Amino acid sequence: MRIRLDDVKVRAGIAAVLVTGGLLTAIAVNSGSGSDSWRAGCAAPPADPTGKQASIVAEARKALLSTGNDPRLGIEIVDLDACAVETRWKADQPQPTASVVKLLIALDLIDRSGVPSDSEATAVHTMLSASDDRVASRLWQQNGGPDIVRRQAGKLGLTHTAPPADPGKWGSTRMSPTDVVTVYRHITAKLSEEGREFLTAALEEPPRAAADGFDQHFGIPRAFPGAAWAVKQGWGSSEGRRVLNTTGLVRTASRTYAVAVLASWNETVDWPTATAALTTAVSAVKGSLRAAKA
């Protein structure tokens, strides 16, 4: 999603981020298999981290601080196999979601009318994979706007999630990294198999160019070129800040993780600088993952 979240207008002419050849490996890995491969058992709140992550977080923060422009960062990574937090930084502080809120829009639709089929299934798949704002705006208006966020926050126990102050600006919904990870834990542990397969199939197949032309292969896709992943990215502007979020599920050789890295800067930062910094930050926290150390 590349919009000004305060006026819901599509922005144009933003420079694309160059993608290295290593990303092609990730794209090949992430071709949808149609199986329920993302099921995990981490339904209960995960255990707190036992190790010291100060150096890992410091490296991630350094990547954003190097850009200037008043960066803000929130991180939560949960090992879904052990049901334990691997890395956490300001994870209870809400930030604008941009298109990450489309996860709540899709979940709410499934709750209200079941897994979509036919043309609606195609539309929702496009909303998630290509981050199509037109579909999101239609479903937002059709299903109650801010009430979507309130319903899902209540159902999933999202304690740091709030709808936008302006009912029409869905991308200004605020969530904390912990709440975003809770959404992924719900998808992998509590959602029906049919619902999980439907959502993750879309999240596994984000085209490099989103519906608005933005290069959405930043953060997780570039930092984990040899892993399987299913992601929902977010980008836009809210309250005078540039918003860039990378979230999703990551499977390494032996572990599965839910990842939420939310960031924002003053709007004076340019998109290539922001996307490069966020990708570097994700690469830094990748070092905390057990399988990444082997």
C-alpha atoms as a PDB file:
ATOM      1  CA  MET A   1       0.000   0.000   0.000  1.00  0.00           C
ATOM      2  CA  ARG A   2       1.449   3.337  -1.025  1.00  0.00           C
ATOM      3  CA  ILE A   3      -1.002   5.937   0.153  1.00  0.00           C
ATOM      4  CA  ARG A   4      -1.143   8.995   2.302  1.00  0.00           C
ATOM      5  CA  LEU A   5      -2.987   7.501   5.190  1.00  0.00           C
ATOM      6  CA  ASP A   6      -4.282  10.894   6.279  1.00  0.00           C
ATOM      7  CA  ASP A   7      -6.139  11.599   3.031  1.00  0.00           C
ATOM      8  CA  VAL A   8      -6.330   8.155   1.400  1.00  0.00           C
ATOM      9  CA  LYS A   9      -4.768   9.313  -1.872  1.00  0.00           C
ATOM     10  CA  VAL A  10      -2.443   7.108  -3.871  1.00  0.00           C
ATOM     11  CA  ARG A  11       1.074   8.493  -4.049  1.00  0.00           C
ATOM     12  CA  ALA A  12       3.027   8.174  -7.268  1.00  0.00           C
ATOM     13  CA  GLY A  13       6.603   8.359  -8.407  1.00  0.00           C
ATOM     14  CA  ILE A  14       8.318   6.717  -5.437  1.00  0.00           C
ATOM     15  CA  ALA A  15      11.623   5.139  -6.353  1.00  0.00           C
ATOM     16  CA  ALA A  16      11.734   1.345  -6.318  1.00  0.00           C
ATOM     17  CA  VAL A  17      14.277  -0.442  -4.186  1.00  0.00           C
ATOM     18  CA  LEU A  18      16.775  -2.574  -6.066  1.00  0.00           C
ATOM     19  CA  VAL A  19      16.449  -6.285  -5.363  1.00  0.00           C
ATOM     20  CA  THR A  20      19.479  -8.525  -5.386  1.00  0.00           C
ATOM     21  CA  GLY A  21      19.680 -11.874  -7.093  1.00  0.00           C
ATOM     22  CA  GLY A  22      19.400 -13.598  -3.742  1.00  0.00           C
ATOM     23  CA  LEU A  23      15.749 -12.602  -3.599  1.00  0.00           C
ATOM     24  CA  LEU A  24      14.978 -14.780  -6.587  1.00  0.00           C
ATOM     25  CA  THR A  25      15.734 -17.786  -4.429  1.00  0.00           C
ATOM     26  CA  ALA A  26      13.150 -16.659  -1.902  1.00  0.00           C
ATOM     27  CA  ILE A  27      10.541 -16.186  -4.617  1.00  0.00           C
ATOM     28  CA  ALA A  28      11.113 -19.720  -5.837  1.00  0.00           C
ATOM     29  CA  VAL A  29      10.843 -21.097  -2.318  1.00  0.00           C
ATOM     30  CA  ASN A  30       7.596 -19.251  -1.749  1.00  0.00           C
ATOM     31  CA  SER A  31       5.521 -20.687  -4.532  1.00  0.00           C
ATOM     32  CA  GLY A  32       2.289 -21.734  -2.837  1.00  0.00           C
ATOM     33  CA  SER A  33       1.949 -25.462  -2.240  1.00  0.00           C
ATOM     34  CA  GLY A  34      -1.742 -25.470  -1.365  1.00  0.00           C
ATOM     35  CA  SER A  35      -1.075 -27.486   1.799  1.00  0.00           C
ATOM     36  CA  ASP A  36      -1.680 -26.502   5.412  1.00  0.00           C
ATOM     37  CA  SER A  37       2.038 -26.001   5.928  1.00  0.00           C
ATOM     38  CA  TRP A  38       1.794 -23.040   8.304  1.00  0.00           C
ATOM     39  CA  ARG A  39      -0.117 -24.711  11.124  1.00  0.00           C
ATOM     40  CA  ALA A  40       1.573 -24.183  14.504  1.00  0.00           C
ATOM     41  CA  GLY A  41       0.564 -24.861  18.070  1.00  0.00           C
ATOM     42  CA  CYS A  42       1.387 -21.547  19.752  1.00  0.00           C
ATOM     43  CA  ALA A  43      -2.147 -20.637  20.817  1.00  0.00           C
ATOM     44  CA  ALA A  44      -1.274 -19.499  24.360  1.00  0.00           C
ATOM     45  CA  PRO A  45       0.735 -16.326  25.009  1.00  0.00           C
ATOM     46  CA  PRO A  46       4.417 -17.092  24.333  1.00  0.00           C
ATOM     47  CA  ALA A  47       6.996 -17.300  27.099  1.00  0.00           C
ATOM     48  CA  ASP A  48       9.159 -14.256  27.679  1.00  0.00           C
ATOM     49  CA  PRO A  49      12.661 -14.250  26.178  1.00  0.00           C
ATOM     50  CA  THR A  50      15.271 -15.964  28.344  1.00  0.00           C
ATOM     51  CA  GLY A  51      18.403 -14.704  26.622  1.00  0.00           C
ATOM     52  CA  LYS A  52      19.791 -11.206  26.449  1.00  0.00           C
ATOM     53  CA  GLN A  53      18.980  -9.564  23.136  1.00  0.00           C
ATOM     54  CA  ALA A  54      20.596  -6.186  23.811  1.00  0.00           C
ATOM     55  CA  SER A  55      23.255  -6.495  21.128  1.00  0.00           C
ATOM     56  CA  ILE A  56      20.768  -7.769  18.522  1.00  0.00           C
ATOM     57  CA  VAL A  57      18.356  -4.907  19.171  1.00  0.00           C
ATOM     58  CA  ALA A  58      21.227  -2.414  19.202  1.00  0.00           C
ATOM     59  CA  GLU A  59      22.237  -3.455  15.685  1.00  0.00           C
ATOM     60  CA  ALA A  60      18.665  -3.151  14.448  1.00  0.00           C
ATOM     61  CA  ARG A  61      18.286   0.286  16.003  1.00  0.00           C
ATOM     62  CA  LYS A  62      21.622   1.368  14.570  1.00  0.00           C
ATOM     63  CA  ALA A  63      20.351   0.661  11.053  1.00  0.00           C
ATOM     64  CA  LEU A  64      17.400   2.996  11.548  1.00  0.00           C
ATOM     65  CA  LEU A  65      19.287   5.643  13.521  1.00  0.00           C
ATOM     66  CA  SER A  66      21.787   5.951  10.680  1.00  0.00           C
ATOM     67  CA  THR A  67      19.028   7.388   8.498  1.00  0.00           C
ATOM     68  CA  GLY A  68      18.229  10.280  10.831  1.00  0.00           C
ATOM     69  CA  ASN A  69      14.709  11.677  10.447  1.00  0.00           C
ATOM     70  CA  ASP A  70      13.564  10.618  13.943  1.00  0.00           C
ATOM     71  CA  PRO A  71      13.192   6.852  13.413  1.00  0.00           C
ATOM     72  CA  ARG A  72      10.929   4.752  15.631  1.00  0.00           C
ATOM     73  CA  LEU A  73      11.153   0.992  15.837  1.00  0.00           C
ATOM     74  CA  GLY A  74       9.154  -1.845  17.380  1.00  0.00           C
ATOM     75  CA  ILE A  75      10.040  -5.542  17.177  1.00  0.00           C
ATOM     76  CA  GLU A  76       8.564  -8.864  18.212  1.00  0.00           C
ATOM     77  CA  ILE A  77       9.726 -12.250  16.978  1.00  0.00           C
ATOM     78  CA  VAL A  78       8.156 -15.422  18.370  1.00  0.00           C
ATOM     79  CA  ASP A  79       9.378 -18.983  17.876  1.00  0.00           C
ATOM     80  CA  LEU A  80       6.080 -20.717  17.111  1.00  0.00           C
ATOM     81  CA  ASP A  81       7.517 -24.188  17.730  1.00  0.00           C
ATOM     82  CA  ALA A  82       8.737 -23.357  21.247  1.00  0.00           C
ATOM     83  CA  CYS A  83       5.979 -20.753  21.755  1.00  0.00           C
ATOM     84  CA  ALA A  84       8.560 -18.345  23.142  1.00  0.00           C
ATOM     85  CA  VAL A  85       9.635 -14.796  22.346  1.00  0.00           C
ATOM     86  CA  GLU A  86      13.019 -14.681  20.627  1.00  0.00           C
ATOM     87  CA  THR A  87      13.433 -10.913  20.346  1.00  0.00           C
ATOM     88  CA  ARG A  88      11.383  -8.010  21.649  1.00  0.00           C
ATOM     89  CA  TRP A  89      11.836  -4.236  21.566  1.00  0.00           C
ATOM     90  CA  LYS A  90       9.094  -1.712  22.409  1.00  0.00           C
ATOM     91  CA  ALA A  91       6.698  -4.430  21.356  1.00  0.00           C
ATOM     92  CA  ASP A  92       3.749  -3.016  23.317  1.00  0.00           C
ATOM     93  CA  GLN A  93       3.894   0.410  21.653  1.00  0.00           C
ATOM     94  CA  PRO A  94       1.311   0.862  18.871  1.00  0.00           C
ATOM     95  CA  GLN A  95       2.280   2.284  15.514  1.00  0.00           C
ATOM     96  CA  PRO A  96       0.307   2.935  12.307  1.00  0.00           C
ATOM     97  CA  THR A  97      -0.266  -0.334  10.488  1.00  0.00           C
ATOM     98  CA  ALA A  98      -0.605   0.853   6.887  1.00  0.00           C
ATOM     99  CA  SER A  99      -1.640  -2.257   4.903  1.00  0.00           C
ATOM    100  CA  VAL A 100      -0.959  -4.682   7.743  1.00  0.00           C
ATOM    101  CA  VAL A 101      -4.524  -3.909   8.883  1.00  0.00           C
ATOM    102  CA  LYS A 102      -5.688  -5.865   5.829  1.00  0.00           C
ATOM    103  CA  LEU A 103      -5.086  -8.981   7.911  1.00  0.00           C
ATOM    104  CA  LEU A 104      -7.868  -7.843  10.257  1.00  0.00           C
ATOM    105  CA  ILE A 105     -10.122  -6.959   7.323  1.00  0.00           C
ATOM    106  CA  ALA A 106      -9.679 -10.468   5.884  1.00  0.00           C
ATOM    107  CA  LEU A 107     -10.129 -12.234   9.219  1.00  0.00           C
ATOM    108  CA  ASP A 108     -13.265 -10.260   9.948  1.00  0.00           C
ATOM    109  CA  LEU A 109     -14.699 -11.170   6.554  1.00  0.00           C
ATOM    110  CA  ILE A 110     -14.047 -14.872   7.244  1.00  0.00           C
ATOM    111  CA  ASP A 111     -15.705 -14.572  10.659  1.00  0.00           C
ATOM    112  CA  ARG A 112     -18.785 -12.899   9.205  1.00  0.00           C
ATOM    113  CA  SER A 113     -19.355 -14.865   5.997  1.00  0.00           C
ATOM    114  CA  GLY A 114     -16.845 -17.703   5.830  1.00  0.00           C
ATOM    115  CA  VAL A 115     -13.888 -18.211   3.542  1.00  0.00           C
ATOM    116  CA  PRO A 116     -14.656 -16.264   0.359  1.00  0.00           C
ATOM    117  CA  SER A 117     -15.153 -17.997  -2.967  1.00  0.00           C
ATOM    118  CA  ASP A 118     -15.256 -17.151  -6.647  1.00  0.00           C
ATOM    119  CA  SER A 119     -14.681 -13.476  -7.500  1.00  0.00           C
ATOM    120  CA  GLU A 120     -14.595 -12.407  -3.855  1.00  0.00           C
ATOM    121  CA  ALA A 121     -11.851 -14.948  -3.154  1.00  0.00           C
ATOM    122  CA  THR A 122      -9.850 -13.480  -6.032  1.00  0.00           C
ATOM    123  CA  ALA A 123     -10.395  -9.959  -4.703  1.00  0.00           C
ATOM    124  CA  VAL A 124      -9.305 -10.795  -1.142  1.00  0.00           C
ATOM    125  CA  HIS A 125      -6.300 -12.726  -2.426  1.00  0.00           C
ATOM    126  CA  THR A 126      -5.282  -9.640  -4.406  1.00  0.00           C
ATOM    127  CA  MET A 127      -5.851  -7.396  -1.373  1.00  0.00           C
ATOM    128  CA  LEU A 128      -3.382  -9.485   0.615  1.00  0.00           C
ATOM    129  CA  SER A 129      -0.813 -10.523  -1.972  1.00  0.00           C
ATOM    130  CA  ALA A 130      -0.666  -7.387  -4.133  1.00  0.00           C
ATOM    131  CA  SER A 131      -1.890  -5.127  -1.307  1.00  0.00           C
ATOM    132  CA  ASP A 132      -4.772  -3.777  -3.391  1.00  0.00           C
ATOM    133  CA  ASP A 133      -6.184  -0.726  -1.593  1.00  0.00           C
ATOM    134  CA  ARG A 134      -9.386  -0.633  -3.633  1.00  0.00           C
ATOM    135  CA  VAL A 135     -10.496  -4.005  -2.289  1.00  0.00           C
ATOM    136  CA  ALA A 136      -9.533  -3.004   1.259  1.00  0.00           C
ATOM    137  CA  SER A 137     -11.514   0.243   1.029  1.00  0.00           C
ATOM    138  CA  ARG A 138     -14.585  -1.581  -0.291  1.00  0.00           C
ATOM    139  CA  LEU A 139     -14.533  -4.217   2.458  1.00  0.00           C
ATOM    140  CA  TRP A 140     -13.772  -1.577   5.091  1.00  0.00           C
ATOM    141  CA  GLN A 141     -16.853   0.438   4.140  1.00  0.00           C
ATOM    142  CA  GLN A 142     -18.998  -2.625   3.570  1.00  0.00           C
ATOM    143  CA  ASN A 143     -18.302  -4.232   6.958  1.00  0.00           C
ATOM    144  CA  GLY A 144     -18.369  -1.325   9.364  1.00  0.00           C
ATOM    145  CA  GLY A 145     -14.972   0.349   9.084  1.00  0.00           C
ATOM    146  CA  PRO A 146     -13.582   0.900  12.598  1.00  0.00           C
ATOM    147  CA  ASP A 147     -15.915  -1.802  13.940  1.00  0.00           C
ATOM    148  CA  ILE A 148     -13.783  -4.329  12.052  1.00  0.00           C
ATOM    149  CA  VAL A 149     -10.810  -3.395  14.217  1.00  0.00           C
ATOM    150  CA  ARG A 150     -12.882  -3.360  17.400  1.00  0.00           C
ATOM    151  CA  ARG A 151     -14.359  -6.793  16.691  1.00  0.00           C
ATOM    152  CA  GLN A 152     -11.028  -8.389  15.917  1.00  0.00           C
ATOM    153  CA  ALA A 153      -9.269  -6.697  18.837  1.00  0.00           C
ATOM    154  CA  GLY A 154     -11.896  -8.067  21.187  1.00  0.00           C
ATOM    155  CA  LYS A 155     -11.897 -11.560  19.714  1.00  0.00           C
ATOM    156  CA  LEU A 156      -8.109 -11.957  19.523  1.00  0.00           C
ATOM    157  CA  GLY A 157      -7.273 -10.099  22.733  1.00  0.00           C
ATOM    158  CA  LEU A 158      -5.323  -7.322  21.035  1.00  0.00           C
ATOM    159  CA  THR A 159      -4.536  -4.944  23.876  1.00  0.00           C
ATOM    160  CA  HIS A 160      -2.614  -2.272  21.952  1.00  0.00           C
ATOM    161  CA  THR A 161      -4.791  -1.984  18.861  1.00  0.00           C
ATOM    162  CA  ALA A 162      -7.142   0.882  18.015  1.00  0.00           C
ATOM    163  CA  PRO A 163      -9.113   1.956  14.931  1.00  0.00           C
ATOM    164  CA  PRO A 164      -8.209   5.194  13.171  1.00  0.00           C
ATOM    165  CA  ALA A 165      -9.449   8.473  14.596  1.00  0.00           C
ATOM    166  CA  ASP A 166     -10.911   9.263  11.177  1.00  0.00           C
ATOM    167  CA  PRO A 167     -13.217   6.330  10.292  1.00  0.00           C
ATOM    168  CA  GLY A 168     -12.292   6.480   6.616  1.00  0.00           C
ATOM    169  CA  LYS A 169      -8.544   6.173   7.040  1.00  0.00           C
ATOM    170  CA  TRP A 170      -8.123   2.446   7.609  1.00  0.00           C
ATOM    171  CA  GLY A 171      -4.345   2.573   7.162  1.00  0.00           C
ATOM    172  CA  SER A 172      -4.042   4.741  10.273  1.00  0.00           C
ATOM    173  CA  THR A 173      -5.259   1.876  12.451  1.00  0.00           C
ATOM    174  CA  ARG A 174      -2.643   1.399  15.172  1.00  0.00           C
ATOM    175  CA  MET A 175      -1.246  -1.915  16.397  1.00  0.00           C
ATOM    176  CA  SER A 176       1.733  -2.962  18.483  1.00  0.00           C
ATOM    177  CA  PRO A 177       4.264  -5.551  17.292  1.00  0.00           C
ATOM    178  CA  THR A 178       2.962  -7.935  19.970  1.00  0.00           C
ATOM    179  CA  ASP A 179      -0.588  -7.590  18.654  1.00  0.00           C
ATOM    180  CA  VAL A 180       0.540  -8.196  15.074  1.00  0.00           C
ATOM    181  CA  VAL A 181       2.296 -11.384  16.179  1.00  0.00           C
ATOM    182  CA  THR A 182      -0.872 -12.380  18.055  1.00  0.00           C
ATOM    183  CA  VAL A 183      -2.739 -12.171  14.746  1.00  0.00           C
ATOM    184  CA  TYR A 184      -0.237 -14.544  13.142  1.00  0.00           C
ATOM    185  CA  ARG A 185      -0.469 -16.893  16.136  1.00  0.00           C
ATOM    186  CA  HIS A 186      -4.245 -16.927  15.667  1.00  0.00           C
ATOM    187  CA  ILE A 187      -3.888 -17.704  11.967  1.00  0.00           C
ATOM    188  CA  THR A 188      -1.465 -20.567  12.585  1.00  0.00           C
ATOM    189  CA  ALA A 189      -3.031 -22.077  15.715  1.00  0.00           C
ATOM    190  CA  LYS A 190      -6.739 -21.230  15.904  1.00  0.00           C
ATOM    191  CA  LEU A 191      -8.094 -20.411  12.470  1.00  0.00           C
ATOM    192  CA  SER A 192      -9.799 -23.201  10.552  1.00  0.00           C
ATOM    193  CA  GLU A 193      -7.609 -25.149   8.153  1.00  0.00           C
ATOM    194  CA  GLU A 194      -9.567 -23.775   5.211  1.00  0.00           C
ATOM    195  CA  GLY A 195      -9.166 -20.209   6.433  1.00  0.00           C
ATOM    196  CA  ARG A 196      -5.477 -20.633   7.183  1.00  0.00           C
ATOM    197  CA  GLU A 197      -4.767 -22.142   3.767  1.00  0.00           C
ATOM    198  CA  PHE A 198      -6.674 -19.326   2.071  1.00  0.00           C
ATOM    199  CA  LEU A 199      -4.828 -16.539   3.894  1.00  0.00           C
ATOM    200  CA  THR A 200      -1.336 -18.009   3.805  1.00  0.00           C
ATOM    201  CA  ALA A 201      -1.606 -18.871   0.117  1.00  0.00           C
ATOM    202  CA  ALA A 202      -2.026 -15.135  -0.551  1.00  0.00           C
ATOM    203  CA  LEU A 203       0.721 -14.120   1.884  1.00  0.00           C
ATOM    204  CA  GLU A 204       3.155 -16.554   0.245  1.00  0.00           C
ATOM    205  CA  GLU A 205       2.724 -14.938  -3.170  1.00  0.00           C
ATOM    206  CA  PRO A 206       3.334 -11.183  -2.941  1.00  0.00           C
ATOM    207  CA  PRO A 207       4.475  -9.930  -6.344  1.00  0.00           C
ATOM    208  CA  ARG A 208       7.536  -7.714  -6.252  1.00  0.00           C
ATOM    209  CA  ALA A 209       5.443  -4.800  -7.535  1.00  0.00           C
ATOM    210  CA  ALA A 210       2.336  -4.218  -5.430  1.00  0.00           C
ATOM    211  CA  ALA A 211      -0.919  -3.017  -6.948  1.00  0.00           C
ATOM    212  CA  ASP A 212       0.270   0.592  -6.636  1.00  0.00           C
ATOM    213  CA  GLY A 213       3.704  -0.198  -8.118  1.00  0.00           C
ATOM    214  CA  PHE A 214       5.652  -0.114  -4.839  1.00  0.00           C
ATOM    215  CA  ASP A 215       8.440  -2.693  -4.460  1.00  0.00           C
ATOM    216  CA  GLN A 216       7.121  -4.687  -1.516  1.00  0.00           C
ATOM    217  CA  HIS A 217      10.026  -7.153  -1.299  1.00  0.00           C
ATOM    218  CA  PHE A 218      11.754  -5.317   1.541  1.00  0.00           C
ATOM    219  CA  GLY A 219      12.406  -6.455   5.092  1.00  0.00           C
ATOM    220  CA  ILE A 220      11.554 -10.131   5.550  1.00  0.00           C
ATOM    221  CA  PRO A 221      11.700 -11.212   1.874  1.00  0.00           C
ATOM    222  CA  ARG A 222      15.172  -9.744   1.369  1.00  0.00           C
ATOM    223  CA  ALA A 223      16.545 -10.669   4.799  1.00  0.00           C
ATOM    224  CA  PHE A 224      15.482 -14.333   4.497  1.00  0.00           C
ATOM    225  CA  PRO A 225      16.302 -15.294   0.887  1.00  0.00           C
ATOM    226  CA  GLY A 226      16.721 -18.993   1.683  1.00  0.00           C
ATOM    227  CA  ALA A 227      13.669 -19.404   3.884  1.00  0.00           C
ATOM    228  CA  ALA A 228       9.980 -19.904   3.225  1.00  0.00           C
ATOM    229  CA  TRP A 229       7.884 -16.911   4.204  1.00  0.00           C
ATOM    230  CA  ALA A 230       4.327 -15.589   4.094  1.00  0.00           C
ATOM    231  CA  VAL A 231       4.227 -11.819   4.565  1.00  0.00           C
ATOM    232  CA  LYS A 232       2.001  -8.781   4.834  1.00  0.00           C
ATOM    233  CA  GLN A 233       3.894  -5.560   4.286  1.00  0.00           C
ATOM    234  CA  GLY A 234       2.773  -2.011   4.907  1.00  0.00           C
ATOM    235  CA  TRP A 235       3.893   1.413   3.667  1.00  0.00           C
ATOM    236  CA  GLY A 236       2.412   4.884   3.592  1.00  0.00           C
ATOM    237  CA  SER A 237       2.230   8.147   5.538  1.00  0.00           C
ATOM    238  CA  SER A 238       0.359   8.946   8.718  1.00  0.00           C
ATOM    239  CA  GLU A 239       0.417  11.998  10.971  1.00  0.00           C
ATOM    240  CA  GLY A 240       3.410  13.454   9.182  1.00  0.00           C
ATOM    241  CA  ARG A 241       5.457  10.252   9.405  1.00  0.00           C
ATOM    242  CA  ARG A 242       6.691   7.772   6.818  1.00  0.00           C
ATOM    243  CA  VAL A 243       5.466   4.296   7.795  1.00  0.00           C
ATOM    244  CA  LEU A 244       7.175   1.061   6.759  1.00  0.00           C
ATOM    245  CA  ASN A 245       6.261  -2.312   8.262  1.00  0.00           C
ATOM    246  CA  THR A 246       7.386  -5.846   7.492  1.00  0.00           C
ATOM    247  CA  THR A 247       5.447  -8.678   9.113  1.00  0.00           C
ATOM    248  CA  GLY A 248       4.788 -12.339   8.540  1.00  0.00           C
ATOM    249  CA  LEU A 249       5.661 -15.977   9.043  1.00  0.00           C
ATOM    250  CA  VAL A 250       9.174 -17.293   8.395  1.00  0.00           C
ATOM    251  CA  ARG A 251      10.299 -20.915   8.228  1.00  0.00           C
ATOM    252  CA  THR A 252      14.007 -21.639   8.377  1.00  0.00           C
ATOM    253  CA  ALA A 253      15.586 -25.092   8.136  1.00  0.00           C
ATOM    254  CA  SER A 254      14.076 -26.256  11.411  1.00  0.00           C
ATOM    255  CA  ARG A 255      11.957 -23.518  13.037  1.00  0.00           C
ATOM    256  CA  THR A 256       8.913 -21.406  12.286  1.00  0.00           C
ATOM    257  CA  TYR A 257       8.656 -17.807  13.464  1.00  0.00           C
ATOM    258  CA  ALA A 258       6.123 -14.997  13.550  1.00  0.00           C
ATOM    259  CA  VAL A 259       7.839 -11.670  12.882  1.00  0.00           C
ATOM    260  CA  ALA A 260       6.651  -8.085  13.255  1.00  0.00           C
ATOM    261  CA  VAL A 261       9.027  -5.182  12.656  1.00  0.00           C
ATOM    262  CA  LEU A 262       7.233  -1.819  12.596  1.00  0.00           C
ATOM    263  CA  ALA A 263       9.040   1.424  11.811  1.00  0.00           C
ATOM    264  CA  SER A 264       8.385   5.042  10.972  1.00  0.00           C
ATOM    265  CA  TRP A 265      10.344   8.230  10.256  1.00  0.00           C
ATOM    266  CA  ASN A 266       9.663  11.877   9.635  1.00  0.00           C
ATOM    267  CA  GLU A 267       8.344  12.283   6.101  1.00  0.00           C
ATOM    268  CA  THR A 268      11.623  13.881   5.038  1.00  0.00           C
ATOM    269  CA  VAL A 269      13.184  10.402   4.687  1.00  0.00           C
ATOM    270  CA  ASP A 270      13.053   8.959   1.160  1.00  0.00           C
ATOM    271  CA  TRP A 271      11.644   5.518   0.458  1.00  0.00           C
ATOM    272  CA  PRO A 272      14.866   3.836  -0.771  1.00  0.00           C
ATOM    273  CA  THR A 273      16.665   4.936   2.407  1.00  0.00           C
ATOM    274  CA  ALA A 274      13.838   3.725   4.632  1.00  0.00           C
ATOM    275  CA  THR A 275      13.432   0.352   2.917  1.00  0.00           C
ATOM    276  CA  ALA A 276      17.182  -0.311   2.930  1.00  0.00           C
ATOM    277  CA  ALA A 277      17.412   0.563   6.631  1.00  0.00           C
ATOM    278  CA  LEU A 278      14.456  -1.629   7.573  1.00  0.00           C
ATOM    279  CA  THR A 279      15.897  -4.562   5.643  1.00  0.00           C
ATOM    280  CA  THR A 280      19.221  -4.116   7.448  1.00  0.00           C
ATOM    281  CA  ALA A 281      17.372  -4.030  10.770  1.00  0.00           C
ATOM    282  CA  VAL A 282      15.570  -7.286   9.977  1.00  0.00           C
ATOM    283  CA  SER A 283      18.871  -8.860   8.939  1.00  0.00           C
ATOM    284  CA  ALA A 284      20.274  -7.867  12.329  1.00  0.00           C
ATOM    285  CA  VAL A 285      17.471  -9.447  14.367  1.00  0.00           C
ATOM    286  CA  LYS A 286      17.697 -12.535  12.179  1.00  0.00           C
ATOM    287  CA  GLY A 287      20.847 -13.328  14.147  1.00  0.00           C
ATOM    288  CA  SER A 288      18.745 -14.040  17.226  1.00  0.00           C
ATOM    289  CA  LEU A 289      16.926 -16.941  15.597  1.00  0.00           C
ATOM    290  CA  ARG A 290      18.143 -20.386  16.598  1.00  0.00           C
ATOM    291  CA  ALA A 291      18.300 -21.886  13.126  1.00  0.00           C
ATOM    292  CA  ALA A 292      20.049 -18.810  11.730  1.00  0.00           C
ATOM    293  CA  LYS A 293      22.980 -19.444  14.085  1.00  0.00           C
ATOM    294  CA  ALA A 294      23.615 -22.949  12.784  1.00  0.00           C
END
